[in-house]
N, C-alpha and C. Protein backbone atom coordinates (compact mmCIF):
# COMPACT_ATOMS: atom_id res chain seq x y z
N MET A 1 137.17 114.30 68.00
CA MET A 1 135.66 113.99 67.51
C MET A 1 135.42 112.79 67.95
N ASN A 2 134.04 112.64 68.61
CA ASN A 2 133.55 111.43 68.85
C ASN A 2 133.02 110.60 67.54
N THR A 3 133.64 109.44 67.42
CA THR A 3 133.33 108.66 66.75
C THR A 3 131.64 107.65 66.98
N LEU A 4 131.32 107.06 66.15
CA LEU A 4 129.85 106.45 66.77
C LEU A 4 130.05 105.07 67.75
N THR A 5 131.41 104.88 67.58
CA THR A 5 131.79 103.46 68.58
C THR A 5 131.84 104.11 70.00
N ASP A 6 132.99 105.48 69.94
CA ASP A 6 132.73 106.24 71.21
C ASP A 6 131.52 106.45 71.86
N LEU A 7 130.24 106.77 71.21
CA LEU A 7 129.41 107.63 71.34
C LEU A 7 128.35 106.17 71.85
N ARG A 8 128.58 105.16 71.20
CA ARG A 8 127.89 103.88 71.82
C ARG A 8 128.15 103.55 73.00
N GLY A 9 129.56 103.71 73.38
CA GLY A 9 129.90 103.19 74.49
C GLY A 9 129.70 103.93 75.67
N GLN A 10 129.61 105.44 75.27
CA GLN A 10 128.78 106.15 76.23
C GLN A 10 127.55 105.77 76.40
N ILE A 11 126.92 105.66 75.67
CA ILE A 11 125.44 105.34 75.88
C ILE A 11 125.58 103.61 76.84
N ASP A 12 126.28 102.87 76.04
CA ASP A 12 126.28 101.72 77.21
C ASP A 12 126.72 101.73 78.84
N GLY A 13 127.24 103.01 79.11
CA GLY A 13 127.91 103.17 80.18
C GLY A 13 126.77 104.23 80.89
N ILE A 14 125.94 104.66 80.15
CA ILE A 14 124.36 105.31 80.83
C ILE A 14 123.47 104.40 81.24
N ASP A 15 123.37 103.19 80.07
CA ASP A 15 122.50 102.45 80.25
C ASP A 15 122.84 101.29 81.48
N ASP A 16 124.03 101.22 81.62
CA ASP A 16 124.47 100.48 82.84
C ASP A 16 123.85 101.31 83.99
N GLN A 17 124.42 102.42 83.91
CA GLN A 17 123.81 103.17 85.41
C GLN A 17 122.48 103.28 85.49
N LEU A 18 121.52 103.64 84.49
CA LEU A 18 120.64 103.50 84.49
C LEU A 18 119.47 102.55 84.92
N ALA A 19 119.81 101.21 84.59
CA ALA A 19 119.76 99.84 85.17
C ALA A 19 119.96 99.55 86.61
N ALA A 20 120.99 100.17 87.19
CA ALA A 20 121.35 99.73 88.49
C ALA A 20 120.59 100.89 89.29
N LEU A 21 120.36 102.24 89.16
CA LEU A 21 119.43 103.06 89.61
C LEU A 21 118.03 102.39 89.76
N PHE A 22 117.46 102.14 88.26
CA PHE A 22 116.28 101.45 88.32
C PHE A 22 115.87 100.35 89.39
N GLU A 23 116.69 99.60 89.51
CA GLU A 23 116.79 98.20 90.41
C GLU A 23 116.70 98.71 91.81
N GLN A 24 117.70 99.78 91.99
CA GLN A 24 117.59 100.35 93.51
C GLN A 24 115.91 101.38 93.72
N ARG A 25 115.31 101.86 92.82
CA ARG A 25 114.19 102.43 92.85
C ARG A 25 112.92 101.46 93.50
N LEU A 26 113.23 100.19 92.39
CA LEU A 26 112.57 99.06 92.45
C LEU A 26 112.34 98.60 93.95
N ALA A 27 113.67 98.17 94.24
CA ALA A 27 113.87 98.19 95.92
C ALA A 27 113.07 98.96 96.80
N VAL A 28 113.14 100.17 96.47
CA VAL A 28 112.71 101.12 97.67
C VAL A 28 110.74 101.12 97.10
N VAL A 29 110.66 100.81 96.14
CA VAL A 29 109.08 100.27 95.72
C VAL A 29 108.17 99.50 96.44
N GLN A 30 109.14 98.38 96.61
CA GLN A 30 108.48 97.17 97.23
C GLN A 30 108.70 97.48 98.75
N LEU A 31 109.51 98.34 99.38
CA LEU A 31 109.19 98.78 100.61
C LEU A 31 108.14 99.81 100.73
N ILE A 32 107.70 100.58 99.88
CA ILE A 32 106.70 101.23 99.79
C ILE A 32 105.41 100.76 99.85
N SER A 33 105.40 99.54 98.98
CA SER A 33 104.34 99.07 99.02
C SER A 33 103.95 98.30 100.31
N ARG A 34 104.99 97.53 100.69
CA ARG A 34 104.71 97.24 102.39
C ARG A 34 103.92 98.34 103.09
N GLU A 35 104.43 99.18 102.85
CA GLU A 35 104.28 100.34 104.09
C GLU A 35 102.47 100.39 103.75
N LYS A 36 102.41 101.04 102.40
CA LYS A 36 100.88 101.10 101.91
C LYS A 36 100.03 99.88 102.34
N ALA A 37 100.46 98.69 102.41
CA ALA A 37 99.48 97.55 102.46
C ALA A 37 99.04 97.75 103.64
N ALA A 38 99.93 98.03 104.76
CA ALA A 38 100.09 97.70 106.12
C ALA A 38 99.25 98.79 106.72
N VAL A 39 99.34 100.21 105.86
CA VAL A 39 98.14 101.21 106.56
C VAL A 39 96.77 101.29 105.29
N GLY A 40 96.80 100.61 104.69
CA GLY A 40 95.54 100.27 103.94
C GLY A 40 95.54 101.71 102.56
N GLY A 41 96.81 102.02 102.48
CA GLY A 41 97.16 102.96 101.36
C GLY A 41 96.65 102.19 99.46
N CYS A 42 96.40 102.94 99.03
CA CYS A 42 96.06 102.80 97.44
C CYS A 42 97.52 102.40 96.89
N VAL A 43 97.42 101.68 96.00
CA VAL A 43 98.75 101.67 94.98
C VAL A 43 99.01 103.04 94.70
N ARG A 44 97.98 103.35 93.79
CA ARG A 44 98.17 104.85 92.83
C ARG A 44 97.91 106.02 93.74
N ASP A 45 99.17 106.68 93.67
CA ASP A 45 98.89 108.15 94.00
C ASP A 45 99.39 109.10 93.27
N LYS A 46 97.97 109.79 92.50
CA LYS A 46 97.88 110.67 91.46
C LYS A 46 98.82 112.03 91.89
N GLY A 47 98.21 112.46 92.97
CA GLY A 47 98.85 113.65 93.12
C GLY A 47 100.69 113.42 93.63
N ARG A 48 101.26 112.47 93.99
CA ARG A 48 102.70 112.47 94.29
C ARG A 48 103.50 111.88 92.93
N GLU A 49 102.18 111.18 91.82
CA GLU A 49 103.07 110.97 90.49
C GLU A 49 102.91 112.29 89.71
N GLN A 50 102.00 113.42 89.93
CA GLN A 50 102.23 114.80 89.39
C GLN A 50 103.24 115.18 89.90
N GLU A 51 103.62 115.41 91.22
CA GLU A 51 104.66 115.90 91.83
C GLU A 51 106.15 115.41 91.33
N ILE A 52 106.08 114.13 90.99
CA ILE A 52 107.67 113.52 90.70
C ILE A 52 107.63 113.92 89.16
N LEU A 53 106.64 113.86 88.44
CA LEU A 53 106.90 114.22 87.01
C LEU A 53 107.44 115.86 86.91
N GLY A 54 106.40 116.46 87.57
CA GLY A 54 107.11 118.00 87.79
C GLY A 54 108.37 118.30 88.09
N ARG A 55 108.78 117.79 89.01
CA ARG A 55 110.01 117.60 89.76
C ARG A 55 111.09 117.14 88.77
N VAL A 56 110.96 116.09 88.06
CA VAL A 56 111.84 115.66 87.33
C VAL A 56 112.24 116.62 85.66
N CYS A 57 110.67 116.87 85.34
CA CYS A 57 111.05 117.63 84.14
C CYS A 57 111.30 119.23 83.81
N ASP A 58 111.25 119.46 85.36
CA ASP A 58 111.59 121.13 85.65
C ASP A 58 112.87 121.12 85.30
N GLY A 59 112.94 122.39 84.21
CA GLY A 59 114.46 122.57 83.70
C GLY A 59 114.84 121.61 82.22
N CYS A 60 114.37 120.67 82.07
CA CYS A 60 114.38 119.77 81.01
C CYS A 60 114.46 120.51 79.64
N GLY A 61 113.45 121.36 79.57
CA GLY A 61 113.58 122.17 78.05
C GLY A 61 112.94 121.43 76.99
N ALA A 62 113.42 121.29 75.88
CA ALA A 62 113.02 120.66 74.85
C ALA A 62 112.94 119.13 75.23
N PHE A 63 114.02 118.58 76.25
CA PHE A 63 113.56 117.14 76.28
C PHE A 63 112.70 116.82 77.31
N ALA A 64 111.82 117.66 77.97
CA ALA A 64 110.73 117.52 78.89
C ALA A 64 109.96 116.57 78.32
N PRO A 65 109.44 116.78 77.22
CA PRO A 65 108.56 115.51 76.70
C PRO A 65 108.90 114.20 76.73
N TYR A 66 110.04 113.78 76.32
CA TYR A 66 110.66 112.39 76.40
C TYR A 66 110.94 112.24 77.82
N THR A 67 111.62 113.01 78.70
CA THR A 67 111.69 112.60 80.33
C THR A 67 110.26 112.84 80.95
N ARG A 68 109.22 113.22 80.45
CA ARG A 68 107.80 112.82 80.83
C ARG A 68 107.48 111.58 80.56
N ALA A 69 107.52 111.02 79.41
CA ALA A 69 107.34 109.48 78.87
C ALA A 69 107.82 108.97 79.57
N PHE A 70 109.02 108.90 79.87
CA PHE A 70 110.20 107.98 80.26
C PHE A 70 109.91 107.79 81.77
N PHE A 71 109.27 108.97 82.82
CA PHE A 71 108.96 108.59 83.91
C PHE A 71 107.67 108.25 83.80
N ARG A 72 106.66 108.54 83.06
CA ARG A 72 105.37 107.96 83.29
C ARG A 72 105.35 106.41 83.14
N HIS A 73 106.28 105.82 82.07
CA HIS A 73 106.48 104.48 82.31
C HIS A 73 107.18 103.85 83.56
N ILE A 74 108.35 104.69 83.90
CA ILE A 74 108.68 104.07 85.19
C ILE A 74 107.69 104.06 86.54
N LEU A 75 106.74 105.17 86.32
CA LEU A 75 105.39 104.94 87.42
C LEU A 75 104.70 103.72 87.14
N SER A 76 104.47 103.81 85.84
CA SER A 76 103.65 102.80 85.51
C SER A 76 104.08 100.98 86.08
N LEU A 77 105.38 100.97 85.37
CA LEU A 77 106.01 99.80 86.31
C LEU A 77 106.13 99.83 87.71
N SER A 78 106.21 100.74 88.42
CA SER A 78 106.21 100.84 89.46
C SER A 78 104.75 100.49 90.23
N ARG A 79 103.87 100.95 89.83
CA ARG A 79 102.19 100.26 90.13
C ARG A 79 102.19 98.91 89.79
N LYS A 80 102.44 98.58 88.58
CA LYS A 80 102.68 97.40 88.69
C LYS A 80 103.05 96.41 89.32
N MET A 81 104.53 96.46 89.72
CA MET A 81 105.17 95.67 90.62
C MET A 81 104.41 96.02 92.25
N GLN A 82 103.80 96.78 92.36
CA GLN A 82 103.09 97.10 93.56
C GLN A 82 101.93 96.05 93.84
N ARG A 83 101.11 96.41 92.79
CA ARG A 83 99.91 95.43 92.54
C ARG A 83 100.40 93.53 92.72
N ASN A 84 101.76 93.62 91.76
CA ASN A 84 101.75 91.99 91.66
C ASN A 84 102.61 91.73 93.35
N HIS A 85 103.17 92.51 93.77
CA HIS A 85 103.67 92.14 95.27
C HIS A 85 102.22 92.00 96.33
N ARG A 86 101.39 93.19 96.27
CA ARG A 86 100.29 92.77 96.96
C ARG A 86 99.35 91.34 96.65
N ALA A 87 99.39 91.04 95.38
CA ALA A 87 98.30 89.59 95.05
C ALA A 87 99.69 88.39 95.26
N GLY A 88 100.69 88.83 95.59
CA GLY A 88 101.38 87.39 95.89
C GLY A 88 102.27 86.76 96.71
C-alpha cells in the first residue's frame, strides 16, 4: 500500500527528471534559435507546434487535455526564450 509520503517521494523523483529534461530541451532551443536567426526564420512555427502537440497527446486518453496544456506552456516558454535570445 502506498502512503502519502511514498507517493510524494515518487512525485519528487518525477519532478527532478522533468526539470533535467526541460533544461536539456532549453539547451536545444538555444541552438534552434541560433539556426533560425542565421537563416532569417521566424521564432514561431505553428505547423511544428501542432505536430508536437499531436505527437505527444496521441494515446494520452483522459490525460490528453492536461498533456496538451502542459506542452502548450512548454512551447510558449521556448518561444519566449528564443525571443530573449534574439534580443540579447
